[in-house]
Every structure is written in C-alpha cells, then in structure tokens.
N, C-alpha and C. Protein backbone atom coordinates (compact mmCIF):
# COMPACT_ATOMS: atom_id res chain seq x y z
N MET A 1 -58.04 58.43 -1.18
CA MET A 1 -58.65 59.05 -2.34
C MET A 1 -57.74 60.11 -2.95
N GLY A 2 -57.06 60.87 -2.09
CA GLY A 2 -56.16 61.90 -2.58
C GLY A 2 -55.09 61.33 -3.49
N ARG A 3 -54.57 60.13 -3.14
CA ARG A 3 -53.50 59.54 -3.96
C ARG A 3 -54.01 59.15 -5.33
N LYS A 4 -55.23 58.65 -5.40
CA LYS A 4 -55.78 58.28 -6.70
C LYS A 4 -55.85 59.51 -7.61
N ALA A 5 -56.25 60.63 -7.03
CA ALA A 5 -56.34 61.87 -7.82
C ALA A 5 -54.96 62.24 -8.36
N LEU A 6 -53.93 62.02 -7.53
CA LEU A 6 -52.58 62.38 -7.96
C LEU A 6 -52.06 61.45 -9.05
N GLU A 7 -52.53 60.20 -9.07
CA GLU A 7 -51.99 59.22 -10.00
C GLU A 7 -52.72 59.17 -11.33
N LYS A 8 -53.90 59.77 -11.41
CA LYS A 8 -54.66 59.65 -12.65
C LYS A 8 -54.04 60.51 -13.76
N ASP A 9 -54.33 60.12 -14.99
CA ASP A 9 -53.82 60.88 -16.14
C ASP A 9 -54.46 62.26 -16.17
N ARG A 10 -53.65 63.24 -16.50
CA ARG A 10 -54.13 64.61 -16.59
C ARG A 10 -54.62 64.90 -18.00
N LYS A 11 -55.68 65.70 -18.08
CA LYS A 11 -56.19 66.12 -19.38
C LYS A 11 -55.31 67.22 -19.94
N PRO A 12 -55.21 67.30 -21.27
CA PRO A 12 -54.54 68.46 -21.85
C PRO A 12 -55.34 69.71 -21.49
N LEU A 13 -54.67 70.82 -21.42
CA LEU A 13 -55.32 72.08 -21.05
C LEU A 13 -56.31 72.50 -22.13
N SER A 14 -57.58 72.59 -21.76
CA SER A 14 -58.62 72.99 -22.70
C SER A 14 -58.55 74.51 -22.91
N PRO A 15 -59.19 75.03 -23.97
CA PRO A 15 -59.21 76.48 -24.17
C PRO A 15 -59.79 77.23 -22.96
N LYS A 16 -60.84 76.67 -22.34
CA LYS A 16 -61.41 77.31 -21.14
C LYS A 16 -60.42 77.30 -19.98
N ALA A 17 -59.73 76.18 -19.83
CA ALA A 17 -58.74 76.09 -18.75
C ALA A 17 -57.60 77.08 -19.00
N GLN A 18 -57.21 77.26 -20.26
CA GLN A 18 -56.17 78.25 -20.57
C GLN A 18 -56.61 79.64 -20.15
N ILE A 19 -57.87 79.94 -20.31
CA ILE A 19 -58.39 81.26 -19.91
C ILE A 19 -58.24 81.45 -18.41
N TRP A 20 -58.65 80.45 -17.61
CA TRP A 20 -58.53 80.67 -16.17
C TRP A 20 -57.10 80.62 -15.68
N VAL A 21 -56.23 79.90 -16.40
CA VAL A 21 -54.81 79.94 -16.03
C VAL A 21 -54.25 81.34 -16.31
N ARG A 22 -54.64 81.94 -17.43
CA ARG A 22 -54.23 83.32 -17.73
C ARG A 22 -54.76 84.28 -16.67
N GLU A 23 -56.00 84.08 -16.27
CA GLU A 23 -56.61 84.96 -15.26
C GLU A 23 -55.95 84.79 -13.90
N LEU A 24 -55.39 83.63 -13.65
CA LEU A 24 -54.70 83.38 -12.39
C LEU A 24 -53.39 84.16 -12.30
N PHE A 25 -52.69 84.30 -13.43
CA PHE A 25 -51.35 84.88 -13.43
C PHE A 25 -51.24 86.20 -12.67
N PRO A 26 -52.07 87.21 -12.96
CA PRO A 26 -51.93 88.47 -12.22
C PRO A 26 -52.24 88.32 -10.73
N LYS A 27 -53.05 87.34 -10.39
CA LYS A 27 -53.43 87.14 -8.99
C LYS A 27 -52.31 86.49 -8.17
N LEU A 28 -51.29 85.98 -8.86
CA LEU A 28 -50.16 85.35 -8.17
C LEU A 28 -49.05 86.34 -7.84
N GLN A 29 -49.10 87.52 -8.44
CA GLN A 29 -47.95 88.40 -8.45
C GLN A 29 -47.49 88.91 -7.09
N ASN A 30 -48.39 89.22 -6.21
CA ASN A 30 -47.97 89.78 -4.91
C ASN A 30 -48.33 88.86 -3.75
N ARG A 31 -48.28 87.58 -4.02
CA ARG A 31 -48.56 86.58 -2.98
C ARG A 31 -47.31 85.76 -2.72
N SER A 32 -47.25 85.20 -1.55
CA SER A 32 -46.15 84.29 -1.24
C SER A 32 -46.46 82.95 -1.91
N LEU A 33 -45.78 82.66 -3.00
CA LEU A 33 -46.06 81.45 -3.76
C LEU A 33 -45.80 80.20 -2.94
N GLU A 34 -44.77 80.26 -2.11
CA GLU A 34 -44.42 79.09 -1.31
C GLU A 34 -45.53 78.73 -0.32
N LYS A 35 -46.20 79.75 0.21
CA LYS A 35 -47.26 79.50 1.21
C LYS A 35 -48.62 79.23 0.57
N LEU A 36 -48.75 79.54 -0.71
CA LEU A 36 -50.02 79.37 -1.41
C LEU A 36 -50.35 77.88 -1.52
N THR A 37 -51.58 77.52 -1.18
CA THR A 37 -52.01 76.12 -1.29
C THR A 37 -52.88 75.95 -2.53
N LEU A 38 -53.16 74.71 -2.88
CA LEU A 38 -54.07 74.46 -4.01
C LEU A 38 -55.47 74.97 -3.68
N ASP A 39 -55.84 74.90 -2.40
CA ASP A 39 -57.13 75.48 -1.98
C ASP A 39 -57.15 76.99 -2.26
N ASP A 40 -56.04 77.66 -1.94
CA ASP A 40 -55.93 79.11 -2.19
C ASP A 40 -56.06 79.40 -3.68
N ILE A 41 -55.37 78.60 -4.49
CA ILE A 41 -55.40 78.81 -5.94
C ILE A 41 -56.82 78.59 -6.46
N ALA A 42 -57.48 77.54 -6.00
CA ALA A 42 -58.86 77.27 -6.41
C ALA A 42 -59.75 78.46 -6.06
N SER A 43 -59.54 79.02 -4.88
CA SER A 43 -60.34 80.16 -4.43
C SER A 43 -60.06 81.40 -5.30
N LEU A 44 -58.81 81.61 -5.66
CA LEU A 44 -58.44 82.78 -6.47
C LEU A 44 -59.14 82.79 -7.83
N ILE A 45 -59.38 81.61 -8.38
CA ILE A 45 -59.97 81.54 -9.71
C ILE A 45 -61.41 81.01 -9.70
N ASN A 46 -61.96 80.87 -8.50
CA ASN A 46 -63.34 80.38 -8.34
C ASN A 46 -63.58 79.05 -9.04
N LYS A 47 -62.65 78.13 -8.84
CA LYS A 47 -62.77 76.78 -9.38
C LYS A 47 -62.64 75.80 -8.22
N SER A 48 -63.17 74.61 -8.42
CA SER A 48 -63.03 73.59 -7.38
C SER A 48 -61.64 72.98 -7.47
N LYS A 49 -61.21 72.40 -6.37
CA LYS A 49 -59.91 71.72 -6.36
C LYS A 49 -59.93 70.55 -7.34
N SER A 50 -61.07 69.91 -7.48
CA SER A 50 -61.15 68.77 -8.41
C SER A 50 -60.97 69.24 -9.85
N THR A 51 -61.44 70.45 -10.17
CA THR A 51 -61.22 71.00 -11.51
C THR A 51 -59.73 71.21 -11.73
N ILE A 52 -59.05 71.75 -10.73
CA ILE A 52 -57.60 71.96 -10.85
C ILE A 52 -56.89 70.63 -11.03
N TYR A 53 -57.29 69.61 -10.23
CA TYR A 53 -56.64 68.30 -10.32
C TYR A 53 -56.91 67.61 -11.66
N THR A 54 -57.92 68.07 -12.40
CA THR A 54 -58.16 67.52 -13.73
C THR A 54 -56.96 67.79 -14.64
N TYR A 55 -56.32 68.94 -14.41
CA TYR A 55 -55.23 69.37 -15.29
C TYR A 55 -53.85 69.35 -14.65
N PHE A 56 -53.79 69.49 -13.34
CA PHE A 56 -52.50 69.67 -12.67
C PHE A 56 -52.37 68.75 -11.46
N THR A 57 -51.13 68.34 -11.19
CA THR A 57 -50.83 67.53 -10.01
C THR A 57 -50.33 68.38 -8.86
N THR A 58 -49.56 69.41 -9.18
CA THR A 58 -48.95 70.25 -8.15
C THR A 58 -49.10 71.73 -8.49
N LYS A 59 -48.86 72.56 -7.49
CA LYS A 59 -48.91 74.00 -7.78
C LYS A 59 -47.73 74.41 -8.65
N GLU A 60 -46.60 73.70 -8.57
CA GLU A 60 -45.47 74.01 -9.45
C GLU A 60 -45.87 73.83 -10.91
N GLU A 61 -46.67 72.81 -11.21
CA GLU A 61 -47.15 72.62 -12.58
C GLU A 61 -48.03 73.79 -13.00
N ILE A 62 -48.83 74.29 -12.07
CA ILE A 62 -49.69 75.45 -12.37
C ILE A 62 -48.82 76.66 -12.67
N PHE A 63 -47.83 76.92 -11.82
CA PHE A 63 -46.95 78.07 -12.03
C PHE A 63 -46.20 77.93 -13.35
N ASP A 64 -45.73 76.72 -13.65
CA ASP A 64 -45.00 76.50 -14.89
C ASP A 64 -45.89 76.78 -16.09
N THR A 65 -47.13 76.33 -16.04
CA THR A 65 -48.05 76.56 -17.15
C THR A 65 -48.35 78.04 -17.33
N THR A 66 -48.54 78.77 -16.22
CA THR A 66 -48.81 80.21 -16.35
C THR A 66 -47.61 80.91 -16.97
N VAL A 67 -46.41 80.54 -16.55
CA VAL A 67 -45.19 81.16 -17.08
C VAL A 67 -45.03 80.81 -18.56
N ILE A 68 -45.28 79.56 -18.93
CA ILE A 68 -45.16 79.14 -20.33
C ILE A 68 -46.12 79.94 -21.21
N ILE A 69 -47.34 80.15 -20.75
CA ILE A 69 -48.32 80.92 -21.53
C ILE A 69 -47.83 82.34 -21.75
N ILE A 70 -47.33 82.98 -20.69
CA ILE A 70 -46.82 84.36 -20.82
C ILE A 70 -45.60 84.39 -21.73
N LEU A 71 -44.67 83.46 -21.56
CA LEU A 71 -43.46 83.46 -22.38
C LEU A 71 -43.77 83.12 -23.84
N ASN A 72 -44.78 82.28 -24.09
CA ASN A 72 -45.17 81.99 -25.46
C ASN A 72 -45.67 83.25 -26.16
N ASP A 73 -46.39 84.09 -25.42
CA ASP A 73 -46.84 85.37 -25.97
C ASP A 73 -45.64 86.24 -26.35
N LEU A 74 -44.64 86.26 -25.47
CA LEU A 74 -43.44 87.06 -25.71
C LEU A 74 -42.58 86.47 -26.83
N GLU A 75 -42.53 85.15 -26.87
CA GLU A 75 -41.64 84.46 -27.81
C GLU A 75 -41.88 84.89 -29.24
N GLY A 76 -43.13 84.94 -29.65
CA GLY A 76 -43.44 85.33 -31.02
C GLY A 76 -43.04 86.75 -31.32
N ALA A 77 -43.08 87.59 -30.31
CA ALA A 77 -42.78 89.01 -30.52
C ALA A 77 -41.28 89.29 -30.53
N VAL A 78 -40.52 88.60 -29.71
CA VAL A 78 -39.11 89.00 -29.54
C VAL A 78 -38.09 88.01 -30.08
N LEU A 79 -38.49 86.79 -30.30
CA LEU A 79 -37.52 85.80 -30.78
C LEU A 79 -37.87 85.45 -32.23
N LYS A 80 -37.43 86.28 -33.12
CA LYS A 80 -37.78 86.11 -34.52
C LYS A 80 -36.59 86.49 -35.38
N GLU A 81 -36.71 86.20 -36.64
CA GLU A 81 -35.69 86.66 -37.59
C GLU A 81 -35.89 88.16 -37.79
N PHE A 82 -34.81 88.89 -37.77
CA PHE A 82 -34.90 90.33 -37.90
C PHE A 82 -34.75 90.73 -39.36
N PRO A 83 -35.67 91.56 -39.87
CA PRO A 83 -35.59 91.97 -41.28
C PRO A 83 -34.29 92.72 -41.56
N GLU A 84 -33.70 92.43 -42.70
CA GLU A 84 -32.42 93.05 -43.07
C GLU A 84 -32.57 94.53 -43.42
N ASP A 85 -33.78 94.93 -43.85
CA ASP A 85 -33.96 96.29 -44.33
C ASP A 85 -34.31 97.29 -43.23
N ARG A 86 -34.33 96.84 -41.98
CA ARG A 86 -34.69 97.73 -40.87
C ARG A 86 -33.45 98.15 -40.12
N SER A 87 -33.49 99.34 -39.57
CA SER A 87 -32.41 99.84 -38.73
C SER A 87 -32.28 98.95 -37.49
N VAL A 88 -31.05 98.60 -37.12
CA VAL A 88 -30.82 97.77 -35.94
C VAL A 88 -31.29 98.50 -34.68
N LYS A 89 -31.04 99.80 -34.64
CA LYS A 89 -31.49 100.59 -33.49
C LYS A 89 -33.01 100.49 -33.34
N ASP A 90 -33.75 100.60 -34.43
CA ASP A 90 -35.22 100.50 -34.38
C ASP A 90 -35.65 99.09 -33.97
N LEU A 91 -34.99 98.08 -34.52
CA LEU A 91 -35.33 96.69 -34.17
C LEU A 91 -35.08 96.44 -32.68
N TYR A 92 -33.94 96.91 -32.19
CA TYR A 92 -33.58 96.71 -30.79
C TYR A 92 -34.59 97.42 -29.89
N ALA A 93 -34.93 98.66 -30.24
CA ALA A 93 -35.91 99.42 -29.46
C ALA A 93 -37.27 98.72 -29.47
N GLU A 94 -37.65 98.18 -30.62
CA GLU A 94 -38.93 97.48 -30.75
C GLU A 94 -38.96 96.23 -29.86
N VAL A 95 -37.89 95.47 -29.88
CA VAL A 95 -37.80 94.27 -29.03
C VAL A 95 -37.89 94.65 -27.57
N LEU A 96 -37.19 95.71 -27.18
CA LEU A 96 -37.19 96.14 -25.78
C LEU A 96 -38.58 96.59 -25.34
N ILE A 97 -39.29 97.29 -26.22
CA ILE A 97 -40.66 97.72 -25.90
C ILE A 97 -41.57 96.50 -25.76
N GLN A 98 -41.41 95.52 -26.65
CA GLN A 98 -42.25 94.32 -26.59
C GLN A 98 -41.99 93.52 -25.31
N ILE A 99 -40.74 93.47 -24.89
CA ILE A 99 -40.42 92.78 -23.64
C ILE A 99 -41.08 93.50 -22.48
N SER A 100 -40.91 94.82 -22.44
CA SER A 100 -41.47 95.62 -21.36
C SER A 100 -42.99 95.46 -21.29
N THR A 101 -43.64 95.51 -22.45
CA THR A 101 -45.09 95.35 -22.51
C THR A 101 -45.50 93.94 -22.10
N GLY A 102 -44.75 92.94 -22.56
CA GLY A 102 -45.08 91.54 -22.28
C GLY A 102 -44.99 91.17 -20.82
N ILE A 103 -44.09 91.82 -20.08
CA ILE A 103 -43.96 91.48 -18.66
C ILE A 103 -44.74 92.44 -17.77
N SER A 104 -45.47 93.36 -18.38
CA SER A 104 -46.27 94.30 -17.60
C SER A 104 -47.21 93.52 -16.68
N GLY A 105 -47.22 93.88 -15.42
CA GLY A 105 -48.05 93.17 -14.44
C GLY A 105 -47.31 92.08 -13.69
N MET A 106 -46.13 91.67 -14.19
CA MET A 106 -45.34 90.67 -13.48
C MET A 106 -44.53 91.38 -12.40
N SER A 107 -44.47 90.81 -11.21
CA SER A 107 -43.76 91.46 -10.11
C SER A 107 -42.36 90.86 -9.92
N ILE A 108 -41.49 91.68 -9.35
CA ILE A 108 -40.14 91.20 -9.01
C ILE A 108 -40.26 90.07 -7.98
N GLN A 109 -41.20 90.21 -7.05
CA GLN A 109 -41.40 89.18 -6.02
C GLN A 109 -41.74 87.83 -6.66
N PHE A 110 -42.60 87.84 -7.67
CA PHE A 110 -42.99 86.61 -8.35
C PHE A 110 -41.76 85.93 -8.96
N VAL A 111 -40.95 86.71 -9.70
CA VAL A 111 -39.77 86.15 -10.35
C VAL A 111 -38.78 85.63 -9.30
N GLU A 112 -38.62 86.40 -8.23
CA GLU A 112 -37.69 86.00 -7.16
C GLU A 112 -38.14 84.68 -6.51
N GLU A 113 -39.42 84.56 -6.21
CA GLU A 113 -39.90 83.32 -5.57
C GLU A 113 -39.82 82.13 -6.51
N ILE A 114 -40.09 82.35 -7.78
CA ILE A 114 -39.93 81.26 -8.75
C ILE A 114 -38.48 80.79 -8.74
N LYS A 115 -37.54 81.73 -8.77
CA LYS A 115 -36.12 81.38 -8.77
C LYS A 115 -35.73 80.61 -7.50
N LEU A 116 -36.25 81.05 -6.36
CA LEU A 116 -35.87 80.44 -5.08
C LEU A 116 -36.50 79.08 -4.83
N TYR A 117 -37.77 78.91 -5.21
CA TYR A 117 -38.51 77.74 -4.74
C TYR A 117 -38.99 76.76 -5.83
N TYR A 118 -38.95 77.18 -7.09
CA TYR A 118 -39.54 76.33 -8.13
C TYR A 118 -38.56 76.14 -9.29
N PRO A 119 -37.60 75.21 -9.13
CA PRO A 119 -36.53 75.05 -10.13
C PRO A 119 -37.03 74.68 -11.52
N THR A 120 -38.08 73.92 -11.62
CA THR A 120 -38.60 73.55 -12.94
C THR A 120 -39.12 74.77 -13.67
N VAL A 121 -39.85 75.61 -12.94
CA VAL A 121 -40.39 76.83 -13.55
C VAL A 121 -39.25 77.78 -13.89
N TRP A 122 -38.27 77.88 -12.97
CA TRP A 122 -37.14 78.76 -13.23
C TRP A 122 -36.37 78.29 -14.47
N GLN A 123 -36.27 76.99 -14.68
CA GLN A 123 -35.59 76.47 -15.87
C GLN A 123 -36.34 76.88 -17.14
N THR A 124 -37.66 76.91 -17.08
CA THR A 124 -38.46 77.38 -18.22
C THR A 124 -38.10 78.83 -18.53
N ILE A 125 -38.01 79.66 -17.49
CA ILE A 125 -37.65 81.07 -17.65
C ILE A 125 -36.22 81.19 -18.17
N ARG A 126 -35.30 80.41 -17.60
CA ARG A 126 -33.89 80.47 -18.02
C ARG A 126 -33.74 80.10 -19.50
N SER A 127 -34.47 79.11 -19.95
CA SER A 127 -34.40 78.71 -21.37
C SER A 127 -34.84 79.86 -22.27
N PHE A 128 -35.91 80.53 -21.86
CA PHE A 128 -36.38 81.69 -22.63
C PHE A 128 -35.33 82.79 -22.63
N ILE A 129 -34.75 83.07 -21.46
CA ILE A 129 -33.73 84.12 -21.33
C ILE A 129 -32.53 83.80 -22.23
N ASP A 130 -32.11 82.54 -22.25
CA ASP A 130 -30.98 82.15 -23.10
C ASP A 130 -31.28 82.43 -24.57
N ARG A 131 -32.50 82.10 -25.01
CA ARG A 131 -32.87 82.36 -26.40
C ARG A 131 -32.95 83.87 -26.66
N LEU A 132 -33.51 84.61 -25.71
CA LEU A 132 -33.64 86.06 -25.85
C LEU A 132 -32.27 86.72 -25.96
N ILE A 133 -31.37 86.35 -25.08
CA ILE A 133 -30.04 86.97 -25.09
C ILE A 133 -29.26 86.53 -26.33
N GLY A 134 -29.56 85.35 -26.85
CA GLY A 134 -29.00 84.94 -28.14
C GLY A 134 -29.47 85.86 -29.26
N SER A 135 -30.74 86.29 -29.19
CA SER A 135 -31.25 87.26 -30.17
C SER A 135 -30.56 88.61 -29.99
N PHE A 136 -30.32 89.00 -28.75
CA PHE A 136 -29.60 90.25 -28.50
C PHE A 136 -28.20 90.20 -29.12
N ARG A 137 -27.54 89.03 -29.00
CA ARG A 137 -26.20 88.88 -29.57
C ARG A 137 -26.23 89.23 -31.06
N LYS A 138 -27.24 88.69 -31.78
CA LYS A 138 -27.36 88.96 -33.22
C LYS A 138 -27.51 90.45 -33.48
N LEU A 139 -28.34 91.10 -32.66
CA LEU A 139 -28.54 92.54 -32.84
C LEU A 139 -27.27 93.33 -32.51
N TYR A 140 -26.56 92.93 -31.44
CA TYR A 140 -25.31 93.60 -31.09
C TYR A 140 -24.31 93.48 -32.25
N GLU A 141 -24.16 92.26 -32.76
CA GLU A 141 -23.19 92.02 -33.84
C GLU A 141 -23.55 92.85 -35.07
N ARG A 142 -24.82 92.78 -35.45
CA ARG A 142 -25.25 93.51 -36.65
C ARG A 142 -25.12 95.03 -36.45
N GLY A 143 -25.51 95.51 -35.27
CA GLY A 143 -25.42 96.94 -35.00
C GLY A 143 -24.00 97.45 -35.04
N MET A 144 -23.06 96.65 -34.54
CA MET A 144 -21.65 97.05 -34.57
C MET A 144 -21.08 96.97 -35.99
N GLU A 145 -21.54 95.97 -36.76
CA GLU A 145 -21.08 95.85 -38.15
C GLU A 145 -21.55 97.04 -38.99
N THR A 146 -22.79 97.48 -38.77
CA THR A 146 -23.35 98.58 -39.57
C THR A 146 -22.92 99.95 -39.05
N GLY A 147 -22.34 99.97 -37.84
CA GLY A 147 -21.93 101.25 -37.25
C GLY A 147 -23.03 101.96 -36.49
N GLU A 148 -24.21 101.32 -36.37
CA GLU A 148 -25.30 101.93 -35.60
C GLU A 148 -25.03 101.85 -34.10
N PHE A 149 -24.31 100.81 -33.69
CA PHE A 149 -23.95 100.65 -32.29
C PHE A 149 -22.46 100.93 -32.12
N LYS A 150 -22.11 101.47 -30.97
CA LYS A 150 -20.71 101.64 -30.62
C LYS A 150 -20.09 100.26 -30.47
N SER A 151 -18.79 100.20 -30.64
CA SER A 151 -18.09 98.92 -30.55
C SER A 151 -17.78 98.58 -29.08
N TYR A 152 -18.38 97.50 -28.62
CA TYR A 152 -18.15 96.98 -27.27
C TYR A 152 -17.86 95.49 -27.39
N ASN A 153 -17.29 94.93 -26.36
CA ASN A 153 -17.11 93.49 -26.30
C ASN A 153 -18.48 92.85 -26.11
N ILE A 154 -18.87 92.01 -27.05
CA ILE A 154 -20.22 91.42 -27.02
C ILE A 154 -20.40 90.49 -25.82
N GLU A 155 -19.34 89.78 -25.44
CA GLU A 155 -19.45 88.90 -24.27
C GLU A 155 -19.73 89.71 -23.01
N LEU A 156 -19.13 90.89 -22.92
CA LEU A 156 -19.38 91.77 -21.78
C LEU A 156 -20.84 92.23 -21.77
N LEU A 157 -21.35 92.63 -22.93
CA LEU A 157 -22.75 93.06 -23.02
C LEU A 157 -23.69 91.94 -22.60
N MET A 158 -23.41 90.74 -23.08
CA MET A 158 -24.28 89.61 -22.75
C MET A 158 -24.17 89.24 -21.28
N ALA A 159 -22.97 89.34 -20.72
CA ALA A 159 -22.80 89.06 -19.28
C ALA A 159 -23.60 90.07 -18.46
N MET A 160 -23.61 91.33 -18.90
CA MET A 160 -24.40 92.35 -18.20
C MET A 160 -25.89 92.05 -18.30
N ASP A 161 -26.33 91.62 -19.48
CA ASP A 161 -27.75 91.26 -19.66
C ASP A 161 -28.13 90.09 -18.74
N TYR A 162 -27.27 89.08 -18.70
CA TYR A 162 -27.53 87.94 -17.81
C TYR A 162 -27.57 88.38 -16.34
N HIS A 163 -26.62 89.22 -15.96
CA HIS A 163 -26.59 89.70 -14.57
C HIS A 163 -27.87 90.45 -14.24
N PHE A 164 -28.30 91.29 -15.16
CA PHE A 164 -29.54 92.04 -14.94
C PHE A 164 -30.71 91.09 -14.70
N VAL A 165 -30.85 90.10 -15.59
CA VAL A 165 -31.99 89.18 -15.50
C VAL A 165 -31.89 88.27 -14.27
N LEU A 166 -30.71 87.72 -14.03
CA LEU A 166 -30.58 86.69 -13.00
C LEU A 166 -30.40 87.25 -11.60
N SER A 167 -29.90 88.46 -11.47
CA SER A 167 -29.64 89.02 -10.14
C SER A 167 -30.50 90.23 -9.82
N ILE A 168 -30.57 91.17 -10.73
CA ILE A 168 -31.29 92.42 -10.45
C ILE A 168 -32.81 92.22 -10.53
N MET A 169 -33.26 91.53 -11.59
CA MET A 169 -34.71 91.33 -11.75
C MET A 169 -35.31 90.41 -10.69
N THR A 170 -34.47 89.76 -9.92
CA THR A 170 -34.97 88.84 -8.90
C THR A 170 -34.65 89.32 -7.49
N ASP A 171 -34.41 90.60 -7.33
CA ASP A 171 -34.07 91.16 -6.01
C ASP A 171 -35.17 92.10 -5.54
N SER A 172 -36.20 91.52 -4.96
CA SER A 172 -37.37 92.32 -4.55
C SER A 172 -37.07 93.22 -3.36
N GLN A 173 -36.05 92.92 -2.58
CA GLN A 173 -35.71 93.77 -1.44
C GLN A 173 -35.06 95.06 -1.89
N GLN A 174 -34.08 94.95 -2.76
CA GLN A 174 -33.36 96.14 -3.21
C GLN A 174 -34.22 97.03 -4.09
N PHE A 175 -35.12 96.43 -4.86
CA PHE A 175 -35.92 97.20 -5.82
C PHE A 175 -37.40 97.17 -5.48
N LYS A 176 -37.71 97.23 -4.18
CA LYS A 176 -39.10 97.12 -3.74
C LYS A 176 -39.97 98.30 -4.17
N ASP A 177 -39.34 99.43 -4.50
CA ASP A 177 -40.11 100.60 -4.90
C ASP A 177 -40.34 100.68 -6.41
N LEU A 178 -39.87 99.69 -7.14
CA LEU A 178 -40.04 99.65 -8.59
C LEU A 178 -40.86 98.43 -9.00
N SER A 179 -41.68 98.62 -10.01
CA SER A 179 -42.33 97.44 -10.60
C SER A 179 -41.32 96.77 -11.51
N LEU A 180 -41.55 95.53 -11.85
CA LEU A 180 -40.65 94.83 -12.76
C LEU A 180 -40.61 95.55 -14.10
N ASN A 181 -41.77 96.02 -14.56
CA ASN A 181 -41.84 96.74 -15.82
C ASN A 181 -40.98 98.00 -15.78
N ASP A 182 -41.06 98.78 -14.68
CA ASP A 182 -40.24 100.00 -14.55
C ASP A 182 -38.75 99.66 -14.54
N LEU A 183 -38.41 98.61 -13.81
CA LEU A 183 -37.01 98.19 -13.71
C LEU A 183 -36.46 97.84 -15.10
N VAL A 184 -37.22 97.04 -15.83
CA VAL A 184 -36.79 96.62 -17.16
C VAL A 184 -36.73 97.82 -18.10
N THR A 185 -37.74 98.67 -18.06
CA THR A 185 -37.78 99.85 -18.94
C THR A 185 -36.57 100.74 -18.71
N GLN A 186 -36.22 100.98 -17.44
CA GLN A 186 -35.07 101.84 -17.14
C GLN A 186 -33.76 101.19 -17.59
N TYR A 187 -33.63 99.89 -17.36
CA TYR A 187 -32.41 99.20 -17.79
C TYR A 187 -32.27 99.27 -19.31
N LEU A 188 -33.38 99.00 -20.00
CA LEU A 188 -33.32 98.98 -21.45
C LEU A 188 -33.06 100.37 -22.02
N ASP A 189 -33.59 101.39 -21.37
CA ASP A 189 -33.32 102.76 -21.81
C ASP A 189 -31.83 103.08 -21.65
N LEU A 190 -31.27 102.71 -20.50
CA LEU A 190 -29.83 102.90 -20.28
C LEU A 190 -29.02 102.15 -21.33
N ARG A 191 -29.44 100.93 -21.61
CA ARG A 191 -28.71 100.08 -22.55
C ARG A 191 -28.72 100.69 -23.96
N ILE A 192 -29.87 101.14 -24.42
CA ILE A 192 -29.94 101.66 -25.78
C ILE A 192 -29.21 102.99 -25.90
N ARG A 193 -29.25 103.80 -24.85
CA ARG A 193 -28.51 105.08 -24.88
C ARG A 193 -27.00 104.83 -24.94
N ALA A 194 -26.55 103.81 -24.22
CA ALA A 194 -25.12 103.50 -24.20
C ALA A 194 -24.65 102.93 -25.53
N LEU A 195 -25.50 102.13 -26.18
CA LEU A 195 -25.08 101.44 -27.40
C LEU A 195 -25.07 102.32 -28.64
N CYS A 196 -26.06 103.19 -28.74
CA CYS A 196 -26.27 103.89 -30.01
C CYS A 196 -25.28 105.02 -30.24
N ASN A 197 -24.82 105.10 -31.47
CA ASN A 197 -23.93 106.19 -31.89
C ASN A 197 -24.74 107.45 -32.12
C-alpha cells in the first residue's frame, strides 16, 4: 500500500496546504532535519500522513516547498529593477534590511543541514543567491559610477558575498551564539560601512 501512495499523482498545493507549509517552516528551524520523519512532520502540523502524501512524496519535497515559499516572498522585495532616481546607498540599505527581515526566524542550523543533506533544496537556495548577488553587482557598479561607493574590485566583493553565504551562513558550530538574522545584519552593516564614502 505504501508504494501505491508513492506512485500516485500529487495534487497541486492548495491555498490551505500553503498555509500549513508556511506554519511548518519555523517548526523546522532547530530540529535535526535528517532525523525528522514524515510522521514527525505530520505531528508538527497536526495533519495526517495521508494528507501530507496528497501533496508530497518525500520530506525533501516538503523542505523544498517551504524554502521556495520563503524565497518567493524575498524575491519580490530584493530582486527587482532599481529606480534611477534613488540613492544607491539607500537602495542597498533597503535591500539589506529586506533580506534581514525576510530570513528572520531562519536558523543557521537549518541552512547548514539543507546544504549537507538536501542537494535539491540547496540548489533552490543557490539559484536565489546567484540572482541576489547579481543584483548586488548592479548596485556595486552603479554606486561606484555615481561615487556613492568607494572603488573596489567588484569580483572581490562578490566573492566575499558568496563566501559569506556559502561558508559563514552555514557554519552553526562557529556561530552557535548568533541567530542567522543577527549574523546577516552584522555582515551587512560591515559591508555598507566599508562601501560608502
């Protein structure tokens, strides 16, 4: 019977299902994702396993969907065309605040476990990061052209951003006393202080 459940077509995520997937996200943050079972997930959201199987085949699909929902919220806020009439410094600060707010509640442990154990989900995050850092490139270039930012090698800045996201944000041992939000906020504060004239 279990195999039949795995082979049946999955329903698209209904608005109600999206709500409980959103509600699940904060409950995943300080748990060992690798050890979490579908029974555990069902218990966390007070749903039956059969309800979960209506929409998902594996827990990786569940994690991927929760991450996609969170990143979609961030995407509209931070990956956009930047108005020409606004100060680059203000735009950069606004993007950094939106990122910090958008990841509020996400733990370093969650990001680290996704990176270690769930390559499909990590690829979803990496794709978002690539687009985000591409937006940063535009801001760096414009800020240096207008003189609002000090002149630095843009490839170096982007390499530092990638290192921060791929190595520092996923190191729960070294940064166990910081929330992900605090870590990002401090990095971004350092970054904007260094860039601005």
